[in-house]
């Protein structure tokens, strides 16, 4: 219940509800595992920025979750490059499939004649 460092809603006003939902998600995820990595968009100053949140479970001697160490890194540029790369790969796959169809049609038309 205690935040050491900066609390996300204090840094980005209007994110209080998102922060509460993320906190509940994190606690649930870290009940079973020791590390959670989540990429999520956030509205900052009228634009969308992406952050990668790495959350690590801190456990007591009995193995109970007693704290969560959370680190957010802004990854907007990485996310945008990944999105562009995915678009290029998809376009290349589509062009390759189209090329195969054209070759098959040419072979078929040549065999039919």
N, C-alpha and C. Protein backbone atom coordinates (compact mmCIF):
# COMPACT_ATOMS: atom_id res chain seq x y z
N UNK A 1 0.80 -1.20 0.00
CA UNK A 1 0.00 0.00 0.00
C UNK A 1 0.84 1.27 0.00
N UNK A 2 2.12 1.14 0.19
CA UNK A 2 2.99 2.32 0.25
C UNK A 2 3.83 2.38 -1.02
N UNK A 3 3.89 3.57 -1.61
CA UNK A 3 4.67 3.76 -2.83
C UNK A 3 5.97 4.44 -2.48
N UNK A 4 7.08 3.85 -2.92
CA UNK A 4 8.39 4.45 -2.74
C UNK A 4 8.83 4.92 -4.11
N UNK A 5 9.21 6.16 -4.24
CA UNK A 5 9.53 6.72 -5.55
C UNK A 5 8.34 7.53 -6.04
N UNK A 6 8.17 7.60 -7.34
CA UNK A 6 7.08 8.37 -7.92
C UNK A 6 5.89 7.47 -8.20
N UNK A 7 4.72 7.96 -7.86
CA UNK A 7 3.49 7.23 -8.15
C UNK A 7 3.00 7.65 -9.53
N UNK A 8 2.68 6.69 -10.38
CA UNK A 8 2.29 6.98 -11.75
C UNK A 8 1.19 8.03 -11.87
N UNK A 9 0.08 7.95 -11.12
CA UNK A 9 -0.96 8.98 -11.27
C UNK A 9 -0.47 10.39 -10.93
N UNK A 10 0.54 10.50 -10.10
CA UNK A 10 1.09 11.83 -9.80
C UNK A 10 1.85 12.39 -11.00
N UNK A 11 2.44 11.50 -11.80
CA UNK A 11 3.20 11.93 -12.96
C UNK A 11 2.30 12.24 -14.15
N UNK A 12 1.20 11.50 -14.28
CA UNK A 12 0.27 11.66 -15.41
C UNK A 12 -1.13 11.81 -14.84
N UNK A 13 -1.58 13.03 -14.62
CA UNK A 13 -2.92 13.24 -14.05
C UNK A 13 -3.98 12.59 -14.94
N UNK A 14 -5.01 12.05 -14.30
CA UNK A 14 -6.10 11.41 -15.04
C UNK A 14 -5.92 9.91 -15.20
N UNK A 15 -4.81 9.37 -14.73
CA UNK A 15 -4.53 7.94 -14.88
C UNK A 15 -4.83 7.15 -13.61
N UNK A 16 -5.52 7.74 -12.65
CA UNK A 16 -5.75 7.08 -11.37
C UNK A 16 -6.46 5.73 -11.52
N UNK A 17 -7.54 5.71 -12.31
CA UNK A 17 -8.31 4.46 -12.47
C UNK A 17 -7.48 3.40 -13.20
N UNK A 18 -6.76 3.81 -14.21
CA UNK A 18 -5.89 2.87 -14.93
C UNK A 18 -4.86 2.30 -13.97
N UNK A 19 -4.31 3.15 -13.13
CA UNK A 19 -3.30 2.71 -12.17
C UNK A 19 -3.89 1.69 -11.20
N UNK A 20 -5.09 1.93 -10.71
CA UNK A 20 -5.72 0.98 -9.78
C UNK A 20 -5.97 -0.37 -10.45
N UNK A 21 -6.46 -0.35 -11.69
CA UNK A 21 -6.70 -1.61 -12.41
C UNK A 21 -5.39 -2.34 -12.66
N UNK A 22 -4.36 -1.60 -13.05
CA UNK A 22 -3.05 -2.21 -13.30
C UNK A 22 -2.48 -2.80 -12.02
N UNK A 23 -2.67 -2.12 -10.91
CA UNK A 23 -2.18 -2.63 -9.63
C UNK A 23 -2.87 -3.95 -9.28
N UNK A 24 -4.17 -4.02 -9.46
CA UNK A 24 -4.90 -5.26 -9.18
C UNK A 24 -4.43 -6.38 -10.10
N UNK A 25 -4.22 -6.06 -11.37
CA UNK A 25 -3.73 -7.04 -12.35
C UNK A 25 -2.34 -7.54 -11.93
N UNK A 26 -1.49 -6.61 -11.54
CA UNK A 26 -0.12 -6.96 -11.16
C UNK A 26 -0.10 -7.89 -9.94
N UNK A 27 -0.87 -7.55 -8.92
CA UNK A 27 -0.90 -8.37 -7.71
C UNK A 27 -1.40 -9.77 -8.06
N UNK A 28 -2.44 -9.86 -8.89
CA UNK A 28 -2.96 -11.18 -9.29
C UNK A 28 -1.89 -11.96 -10.07
N UNK A 29 -1.22 -11.30 -10.99
CA UNK A 29 -0.20 -11.98 -11.81
C UNK A 29 0.98 -12.44 -10.95
N UNK A 30 1.39 -11.60 -10.00
CA UNK A 30 2.57 -11.93 -9.20
C UNK A 30 2.27 -12.89 -8.06
N UNK A 31 1.01 -13.24 -7.88
CA UNK A 31 0.67 -14.27 -6.91
C UNK A 31 1.24 -15.61 -7.37
N UNK A 32 1.25 -15.82 -8.69
CA UNK A 32 1.70 -17.09 -9.28
C UNK A 32 3.14 -17.05 -9.77
N UNK A 33 3.63 -15.90 -10.16
CA UNK A 33 4.96 -15.81 -10.75
C UNK A 33 5.75 -14.70 -10.08
N UNK A 34 7.03 -14.58 -10.43
CA UNK A 34 7.87 -13.58 -9.77
C UNK A 34 8.12 -12.34 -10.61
N UNK A 35 7.75 -12.37 -11.90
CA UNK A 35 8.04 -11.25 -12.77
C UNK A 35 6.90 -11.08 -13.77
N UNK A 36 6.53 -9.85 -14.02
CA UNK A 36 5.50 -9.53 -15.00
C UNK A 36 6.00 -8.38 -15.85
N UNK A 37 5.86 -8.50 -17.18
CA UNK A 37 6.24 -7.43 -18.10
C UNK A 37 5.02 -7.10 -18.95
N UNK A 38 4.62 -5.84 -18.92
CA UNK A 38 3.43 -5.41 -19.63
C UNK A 38 3.75 -4.14 -20.41
N UNK A 39 3.39 -4.12 -21.71
CA UNK A 39 3.49 -2.91 -22.52
C UNK A 39 2.10 -2.29 -22.57
N UNK A 40 2.00 -1.00 -22.26
CA UNK A 40 0.68 -0.38 -22.27
C UNK A 40 0.77 1.08 -22.72
N UNK A 41 -0.26 1.50 -23.47
CA UNK A 41 -0.30 2.90 -23.92
C UNK A 41 -0.84 3.81 -22.82
N UNK A 42 -0.39 5.04 -22.84
CA UNK A 42 -0.83 6.03 -21.87
C UNK A 42 -0.95 7.37 -22.58
N UNK A 43 -2.00 8.10 -22.27
CA UNK A 43 -2.17 9.45 -22.83
C UNK A 43 -1.34 10.42 -22.00
N UNK A 44 -0.42 11.11 -22.67
CA UNK A 44 0.43 12.08 -22.00
C UNK A 44 0.40 13.37 -22.81
N UNK A 45 -0.13 14.42 -22.22
CA UNK A 45 -0.14 15.72 -22.91
C UNK A 45 -0.86 15.68 -24.25
N UNK A 46 -1.92 14.89 -24.37
CA UNK A 46 -2.68 14.84 -25.61
C UNK A 46 -2.14 13.86 -26.64
N UNK A 47 -1.08 13.16 -26.34
CA UNK A 47 -0.54 12.16 -27.28
C UNK A 47 -0.40 10.82 -26.56
N UNK A 48 -0.31 9.77 -27.34
CA UNK A 48 -0.17 8.44 -26.76
C UNK A 48 1.31 8.07 -26.69
N UNK A 49 1.73 7.66 -25.53
CA UNK A 49 3.09 7.15 -25.34
C UNK A 49 2.97 5.73 -24.79
N UNK A 50 3.93 4.91 -25.14
CA UNK A 50 3.96 3.52 -24.69
C UNK A 50 5.01 3.35 -23.61
N UNK A 51 4.63 2.58 -22.58
CA UNK A 51 5.55 2.27 -21.49
C UNK A 51 5.62 0.77 -21.29
N UNK A 52 6.81 0.27 -21.03
CA UNK A 52 7.00 -1.14 -20.65
C UNK A 52 7.19 -1.16 -19.14
N UNK A 53 6.25 -1.84 -18.49
CA UNK A 53 6.29 -1.97 -17.04
C UNK A 53 6.83 -3.34 -16.67
N UNK A 54 7.90 -3.34 -15.90
CA UNK A 54 8.46 -4.59 -15.37
C UNK A 54 8.17 -4.58 -13.88
N UNK A 55 7.43 -5.59 -13.46
CA UNK A 55 7.04 -5.66 -12.05
C UNK A 55 7.58 -6.94 -11.45
N UNK A 56 8.25 -6.80 -10.33
CA UNK A 56 8.91 -7.93 -9.68
C UNK A 56 8.31 -8.14 -8.29
N UNK A 57 8.02 -9.39 -8.00
CA UNK A 57 7.46 -9.73 -6.69
C UNK A 57 8.55 -9.67 -5.63
N UNK A 58 8.20 -9.10 -4.49
CA UNK A 58 9.06 -9.13 -3.31
C UNK A 58 8.31 -9.98 -2.29
N UNK A 59 8.95 -11.07 -1.85
CA UNK A 59 8.27 -12.03 -0.98
C UNK A 59 8.95 -12.10 0.39
N UNK A 60 8.17 -12.48 1.39
CA UNK A 60 8.73 -12.69 2.72
C UNK A 60 9.31 -14.11 2.79
N UNK A 61 9.83 -14.48 3.94
CA UNK A 61 10.47 -15.80 4.10
C UNK A 61 9.50 -16.95 3.86
N UNK A 62 8.22 -16.71 4.05
CA UNK A 62 7.21 -17.75 3.82
C UNK A 62 6.75 -17.79 2.37
N UNK A 63 7.30 -16.91 1.53
CA UNK A 63 6.94 -16.90 0.11
C UNK A 63 5.72 -16.07 -0.23
N UNK A 64 5.19 -15.33 0.74
CA UNK A 64 4.01 -14.49 0.49
C UNK A 64 4.44 -13.19 -0.18
N UNK A 65 3.60 -12.72 -1.09
CA UNK A 65 3.84 -11.45 -1.76
C UNK A 65 3.65 -10.32 -0.76
N UNK A 66 4.70 -9.54 -0.52
CA UNK A 66 4.61 -8.44 0.45
C UNK A 66 4.81 -7.08 -0.21
N UNK A 67 5.37 -7.07 -1.41
CA UNK A 67 5.59 -5.80 -2.12
C UNK A 67 5.80 -6.09 -3.59
N UNK A 68 5.68 -5.06 -4.37
CA UNK A 68 5.93 -5.15 -5.81
C UNK A 68 6.89 -4.03 -6.18
N UNK A 69 7.98 -4.41 -6.83
CA UNK A 69 8.93 -3.42 -7.33
C UNK A 69 8.58 -3.19 -8.80
N UNK A 70 8.22 -1.98 -9.16
CA UNK A 70 7.71 -1.69 -10.49
C UNK A 70 8.57 -0.63 -11.15
N UNK A 71 8.97 -0.89 -12.39
CA UNK A 71 9.78 0.05 -13.15
C UNK A 71 9.14 0.27 -14.50
N UNK A 72 8.91 1.52 -14.85
CA UNK A 72 8.34 1.85 -16.16
C UNK A 72 9.38 2.52 -17.03
N UNK A 73 9.45 2.06 -18.28
CA UNK A 73 10.38 2.63 -19.25
C UNK A 73 9.58 3.07 -20.47
N UNK A 74 9.76 4.29 -20.91
CA UNK A 74 9.04 4.80 -22.07
C UNK A 74 9.62 4.14 -23.33
N UNK A 75 8.75 3.47 -24.11
CA UNK A 75 9.20 2.71 -25.29
C UNK A 75 8.43 3.12 -26.55
N UNK A 76 7.95 4.36 -26.61
CA UNK A 76 7.13 4.80 -27.74
C UNK A 76 7.85 4.59 -29.06
N UNK A 77 9.09 5.01 -29.17
CA UNK A 77 9.84 4.88 -30.42
C UNK A 77 10.00 3.41 -30.80
N UNK A 78 10.33 2.57 -29.83
CA UNK A 78 10.46 1.13 -30.08
C UNK A 78 9.13 0.55 -30.57
N UNK A 79 8.04 0.92 -29.90
CA UNK A 79 6.71 0.42 -30.28
C UNK A 79 6.36 0.86 -31.70
N UNK A 80 6.62 2.13 -32.03
CA UNK A 80 6.31 2.63 -33.38
C UNK A 80 7.15 1.92 -34.44
N UNK A 81 8.44 1.70 -34.16
CA UNK A 81 9.29 0.98 -35.12
C UNK A 81 8.82 -0.45 -35.29
N UNK A 82 8.42 -1.10 -34.19
CA UNK A 82 7.93 -2.47 -34.26
C UNK A 82 6.65 -2.53 -35.09
N UNK A 83 5.77 -1.54 -34.92
CA UNK A 83 4.53 -1.48 -35.69
C UNK A 83 4.83 -1.29 -37.17
N UNK A 84 5.76 -0.41 -37.51
CA UNK A 84 6.14 -0.19 -38.90
C UNK A 84 6.77 -1.45 -39.50
N UNK A 85 7.63 -2.11 -38.76
CA UNK A 85 8.27 -3.33 -39.24
C UNK A 85 7.24 -4.42 -39.49
N UNK A 86 6.27 -4.54 -38.60
CA UNK A 86 5.20 -5.53 -38.78
C UNK A 86 4.42 -5.23 -40.06
N UNK A 87 4.15 -3.96 -40.33
CA UNK A 87 3.44 -3.58 -41.55
C UNK A 87 4.25 -3.94 -42.79
N UNK A 88 5.55 -3.71 -42.76
CA UNK A 88 6.41 -4.06 -43.90
C UNK A 88 6.43 -5.57 -44.11
N UNK A 89 6.56 -6.32 -43.04
CA UNK A 89 6.58 -7.79 -43.14
C UNK A 89 5.25 -8.30 -43.69
N UNK A 90 4.15 -7.75 -43.21
CA UNK A 90 2.83 -8.15 -43.71
C UNK A 90 2.70 -7.83 -45.20
N UNK A 91 3.16 -6.64 -45.62
CA UNK A 91 3.08 -6.25 -47.03
C UNK A 91 3.94 -7.16 -47.90
N UNK A 92 5.12 -7.54 -47.40
CA UNK A 92 5.99 -8.45 -48.15
C UNK A 92 5.35 -9.83 -48.28
N UNK A 93 4.74 -10.31 -47.22
CA UNK A 93 4.08 -11.62 -47.26
C UNK A 93 2.92 -11.59 -48.25
N UNK A 94 2.17 -10.49 -48.24
CA UNK A 94 1.04 -10.36 -49.17
C UNK A 94 1.54 -10.30 -50.62
N UNK A 95 2.61 -9.56 -50.86
CA UNK A 95 3.17 -9.47 -52.21
C UNK A 95 3.70 -10.83 -52.67
N UNK A 96 4.32 -11.54 -51.76
CA UNK A 96 4.84 -12.87 -52.10
C UNK A 96 3.69 -13.82 -52.44
N UNK A 97 2.63 -13.78 -51.63
CA UNK A 97 1.47 -14.63 -51.90
C UNK A 97 0.84 -14.26 -53.23
N UNK A 98 0.75 -12.97 -53.52
CA UNK A 98 0.18 -12.51 -54.79
C UNK A 98 1.04 -13.00 -55.95
N UNK A 99 2.34 -12.91 -55.78
CA UNK A 99 3.26 -13.38 -56.82
C UNK A 99 3.10 -14.86 -57.08
N UNK A 100 2.92 -15.65 -56.04
CA UNK A 100 2.70 -17.09 -56.20
C UNK A 100 1.41 -17.36 -56.95
N UNK A 101 0.35 -16.61 -56.60
CA UNK A 101 -0.93 -16.79 -57.30
C UNK A 101 -0.78 -16.48 -58.78
N UNK A 102 -0.06 -15.41 -59.09
CA UNK A 102 0.14 -15.05 -60.50
C UNK A 102 0.90 -16.13 -61.24
N UNK A 103 1.92 -16.69 -60.62
CA UNK A 103 2.69 -17.77 -61.25
C UNK A 103 1.81 -18.99 -61.46
N UNK A 104 1.00 -19.34 -60.44
CA UNK A 104 0.11 -20.49 -60.57
C UNK A 104 -0.92 -20.27 -61.68
N UNK A 105 -1.45 -19.05 -61.75
CA UNK A 105 -2.41 -18.75 -62.83
C UNK A 105 -1.74 -18.86 -64.19
N UNK A 106 -0.52 -18.36 -64.31
CA UNK A 106 0.20 -18.45 -65.58
C UNK A 106 0.46 -19.91 -65.95
N UNK A 107 0.86 -20.71 -64.96
CA UNK A 107 1.09 -22.14 -65.22
C UNK A 107 -0.20 -22.82 -65.62
N UNK A 108 -1.28 -22.51 -64.90
CA UNK A 108 -2.57 -23.11 -65.19
C UNK A 108 -3.04 -22.70 -66.59
N UNK A 109 -2.95 -21.42 -66.91
CA UNK A 109 -3.39 -20.94 -68.21
C UNK A 109 -2.54 -21.54 -69.34
N UNK A 110 -1.26 -21.71 -69.08
CA UNK A 110 -0.38 -22.32 -70.08
C UNK A 110 -0.70 -23.79 -70.28
N UNK A 111 -1.12 -24.49 -69.21
CA UNK A 111 -1.45 -25.91 -69.30
C UNK A 111 -2.78 -26.12 -69.98
N UNK A 112 -3.69 -25.16 -69.81
CA UNK A 112 -5.03 -25.29 -70.38
C UNK A 112 -5.01 -25.05 -71.88
N UNK A 113 -4.15 -24.16 -72.33
CA UNK A 113 -4.13 -23.82 -73.77
C UNK A 113 -3.66 -24.92 -74.61
